[in-house]
């Protein structure tokens, strides 16, 4: 069954309802379905596998989780939604982890690529995977912390998007709105090592 952008002209609420309907229909018919879309949310919610194409060329194929969390290139990461790109240099390795010098701080990163010391690299972390702590919070982690200032906070209802500046690094984070941080405040941003992804290329 081929579907070529079937939901492109529907309003947001109806699109969401129709995504659920198409999923139920596909399962009940038990038929292989090829669904063409430019909407990343549609692709992630509907697909068992995603083939991402740029200029007619397949650039990555895999599960929605793999493409979203482990993109091969910065371009793929950016296309699959808001992301943060961070440049650094490997200064130490320890088993499956490496320590990366970033601006004026260092970050530990989980990796299976065995980068060598002195290697320049690019990595990414999704806004949803960052955590904020008050500067004086005694329970905050000790590693992978960046002191940052919130330059902008955008309220979305159930979530808040924050734009933060840490030295020369500008990043975006997204949190639930149960606890909010005001613009201009300084916070400690935690970047979990397991959610930092080094681009293989």
Protein backbone atom coordinates (compact mmCIF):
# COMPACT_ATOMS: atom_id res chain seq x y z
CA UNK A 1 0.00 0.00 0.00
CA UNK A 2 1.51 3.33 -1.09
CA UNK A 3 0.51 6.56 0.67
CA UNK A 4 1.98 9.76 -0.72
CA UNK A 5 1.63 12.55 1.87
CA UNK A 6 -2.02 11.68 2.63
CA UNK A 7 -2.29 14.03 5.64
CA UNK A 8 -0.58 17.12 4.23
CA UNK A 9 -3.75 19.24 3.89
CA UNK A 10 -5.33 18.44 7.25
CA UNK A 11 -5.31 20.62 10.37
CA UNK A 12 -3.09 19.62 13.29
CA UNK A 13 -5.72 17.90 15.44
CA UNK A 14 -7.17 15.90 12.53
CA UNK A 15 -3.66 14.88 11.43
CA UNK A 16 -3.04 13.43 14.88
CA UNK A 17 -6.31 11.49 14.80
CA UNK A 18 -5.62 10.19 11.31
CA UNK A 19 -2.12 8.99 12.27
CA UNK A 20 -3.71 6.75 14.89
CA UNK A 21 -6.34 5.58 12.38
CA UNK A 22 -3.74 4.70 9.73
CA UNK A 23 -1.69 2.74 12.28
CA UNK A 24 -4.76 0.72 13.29
CA UNK A 25 -5.72 0.19 9.64
CA UNK A 26 -2.26 -1.03 8.66
CA UNK A 27 -2.17 -3.49 11.55
CA UNK A 28 -5.67 -4.82 10.89
CA UNK A 29 -4.95 -5.32 7.16
CA UNK A 30 -1.45 -6.68 7.89
CA UNK A 31 -0.16 -5.10 4.70
CA UNK A 32 3.25 -3.60 3.99
CA UNK A 33 2.80 0.17 3.69
CA UNK A 34 5.11 2.75 2.16
CA UNK A 35 4.28 6.16 3.62
CA UNK A 36 5.87 9.24 2.02
CA UNK A 37 6.03 12.34 4.22
CA UNK A 38 8.06 15.49 4.87
CA UNK A 39 6.80 15.56 8.48
CA UNK A 40 9.32 14.09 10.90
CA UNK A 41 6.69 13.55 13.61
CA UNK A 42 4.54 11.53 11.21
CA UNK A 43 7.50 9.40 10.21
CA UNK A 44 8.59 8.71 13.79
CA UNK A 45 5.07 7.89 15.03
CA UNK A 46 3.97 5.73 12.10
CA UNK A 47 7.05 3.90 10.87
CA UNK A 48 8.71 0.64 11.84
CA UNK A 49 11.63 1.70 9.63
CA UNK A 50 12.53 5.06 8.11
CA UNK A 51 14.44 5.69 4.90
CA UNK A 52 15.68 9.28 4.90
CA UNK A 53 16.32 10.76 1.47
CA UNK A 54 18.21 13.92 0.48
CA UNK A 55 18.17 14.94 -3.19
CA UNK A 56 16.90 11.51 -4.23
CA UNK A 57 19.63 9.61 -2.35
CA UNK A 58 19.02 7.37 0.67
CA UNK A 59 21.31 8.81 3.36
CA UNK A 60 20.22 6.68 6.34
CA UNK A 61 17.89 3.75 6.91
CA UNK A 62 16.88 2.31 10.25
CA UNK A 63 14.40 2.36 13.11
CA UNK A 64 12.88 5.69 14.19
CA UNK A 65 14.84 5.49 17.47
CA UNK A 66 18.12 4.86 15.68
CA UNK A 67 17.74 7.70 13.18
CA UNK A 68 16.52 10.14 15.83
CA UNK A 69 19.17 9.34 18.45
CA UNK A 70 22.07 8.14 16.25
CA UNK A 71 22.11 10.23 13.06
CA UNK A 72 25.07 9.70 10.75
CA UNK A 73 25.60 13.41 9.97
CA UNK A 74 24.73 16.83 11.45
CA UNK A 75 22.40 17.43 8.48
CA UNK A 76 20.37 14.33 9.34
CA UNK A 77 20.28 15.31 13.03
CA UNK A 78 19.00 18.78 12.13
CA UNK A 79 16.38 17.44 9.71
CA UNK A 80 14.97 15.07 12.34
CA UNK A 81 14.17 17.94 14.71
CA UNK A 82 15.78 20.51 16.95
CA UNK A 83 19.23 19.46 18.09
CA UNK A 84 22.42 20.89 19.58
CA UNK A 85 25.73 20.62 17.73
CA UNK A 86 28.87 20.78 19.88
CA UNK A 87 32.48 20.79 18.68
CA UNK A 88 35.24 19.38 20.85
CA UNK A 89 38.59 17.60 21.08
CA UNK A 90 39.25 14.20 22.69
CA UNK A 91 41.62 14.60 25.64
CA UNK A 92 41.23 11.24 27.42
CA UNK A 93 39.72 7.79 26.91
CA UNK A 94 38.50 5.33 29.53
CA UNK A 95 36.94 2.10 28.27
CA UNK A 96 33.71 2.90 26.45
CA UNK A 97 33.93 6.57 27.40
CA UNK A 98 36.02 9.47 26.21
CA UNK A 99 36.52 12.91 27.72
CA UNK A 100 36.03 15.78 25.31
CA UNK A 101 37.29 19.34 25.77
CA UNK A 102 34.43 21.72 24.92
CA UNK A 103 34.92 25.49 25.05
CA UNK A 104 36.11 26.02 28.66
CA UNK A 105 34.70 22.75 30.06
CA UNK A 106 34.99 19.00 29.53
CA UNK A 107 32.30 16.39 28.88
CA UNK A 108 32.33 12.61 29.15
CA UNK A 109 30.74 10.83 26.19
CA UNK A 110 29.67 7.20 25.77
CA UNK A 111 31.16 5.91 22.53
CA UNK A 112 31.92 2.72 20.63
CA UNK A 113 34.03 4.40 17.95
CA UNK A 114 37.31 4.43 19.96
CA UNK A 115 38.41 7.95 18.99
CA UNK A 116 42.08 8.73 19.52
CA UNK A 117 43.36 11.44 21.83
CA UNK A 118 43.67 14.76 20.02
CA UNK A 119 40.89 14.01 17.54
CA UNK A 120 38.55 16.90 16.69
CA UNK A 121 34.93 15.79 16.59
CA UNK A 122 31.34 16.96 16.36
CA UNK A 123 28.63 15.64 18.66
CA UNK A 124 24.99 16.29 19.34
CA UNK A 125 22.43 16.09 22.13
CA UNK A 126 18.67 16.46 21.78
CA UNK A 127 16.93 19.29 23.70
CA UNK A 128 14.75 16.71 25.49
CA UNK A 129 17.78 14.94 26.94
CA UNK A 130 19.29 17.87 28.84
CA UNK A 131 18.49 18.51 32.51
CA UNK A 132 18.62 21.78 34.49
CA UNK A 133 19.59 22.23 38.13
CA UNK A 134 19.80 25.27 40.37
CA UNK A 135 23.42 26.35 40.85
CA UNK A 136 23.30 25.55 44.58
CA UNK A 137 21.40 22.25 44.26
CA UNK A 138 23.34 19.74 46.40
CA UNK A 139 21.88 16.77 44.48
CA UNK A 140 23.07 17.82 41.03
CA UNK A 141 25.58 15.55 39.23
CA UNK A 142 29.27 16.39 39.45
CA UNK A 143 30.30 15.50 35.86
CA UNK A 144 29.04 16.81 32.53
CA UNK A 145 27.75 20.04 34.02
CA UNK A 146 27.86 23.39 32.22
CA UNK A 147 27.08 26.68 33.93
CA UNK A 148 24.79 28.53 31.56
CA UNK A 149 22.53 31.57 31.36
CA UNK A 150 18.97 31.31 30.06
CA UNK A 151 18.68 33.82 27.23
CA UNK A 152 15.12 32.97 26.18
CA UNK A 153 12.23 30.85 27.45
CA UNK A 154 9.31 29.95 25.18
CA UNK A 155 6.19 28.52 26.80
CA UNK A 156 4.36 25.83 24.76
CA UNK A 157 1.76 24.77 27.31
CA UNK A 158 2.93 21.43 28.64
CA UNK A 159 6.57 22.15 27.82
CA UNK A 160 9.01 25.07 27.80
CA UNK A 161 11.82 25.59 25.30
CA UNK A 162 14.92 27.23 26.76
CA UNK A 163 17.78 28.82 24.84
CA UNK A 164 20.92 28.89 26.92
CA UNK A 165 24.43 30.30 26.55
CA UNK A 166 27.45 28.64 28.15
CA UNK A 167 30.64 30.45 27.16
CA UNK A 168 30.75 30.24 23.38
CA UNK A 169 28.16 27.45 23.21
CA UNK A 170 24.51 28.19 22.48
CA UNK A 171 22.05 25.35 23.03
CA UNK A 172 18.35 24.61 23.20
CA UNK A 173 16.64 22.50 25.88
CA UNK A 174 13.02 21.40 26.30
CA UNK A 175 11.46 20.61 29.68
CA UNK A 176 8.05 19.99 31.18
CA UNK A 177 6.43 23.16 32.45
CA UNK A 178 5.93 21.82 35.99
CA UNK A 179 9.06 23.75 37.01
CA UNK A 180 10.16 26.80 35.07
CA UNK A 181 13.34 28.90 35.05
CA UNK A 182 13.12 32.64 34.30
CA UNK A 183 14.99 34.35 31.48
CA UNK A 184 18.35 35.75 32.58
CA UNK A 185 18.86 33.23 35.38
CA UNK A 186 21.97 31.10 35.68
CA UNK A 187 21.56 27.34 35.89
CA UNK A 188 23.64 24.18 35.80
CA UNK A 189 22.91 22.20 32.63
CA UNK A 190 23.53 18.45 32.80
CA UNK A 191 24.38 16.65 29.55
CA UNK A 192 24.08 12.89 30.23
CA UNK A 193 27.03 10.99 28.68
CA UNK A 194 24.74 8.30 27.24
CA UNK A 195 22.74 10.92 25.31
CA UNK A 196 25.72 12.68 23.75
CA UNK A 197 26.23 11.23 20.28
CA UNK A 198 29.46 11.52 18.27
CA UNK A 199 28.84 11.67 14.52
CA UNK A 200 30.66 8.74 12.88
CA UNK A 201 31.59 10.84 9.84
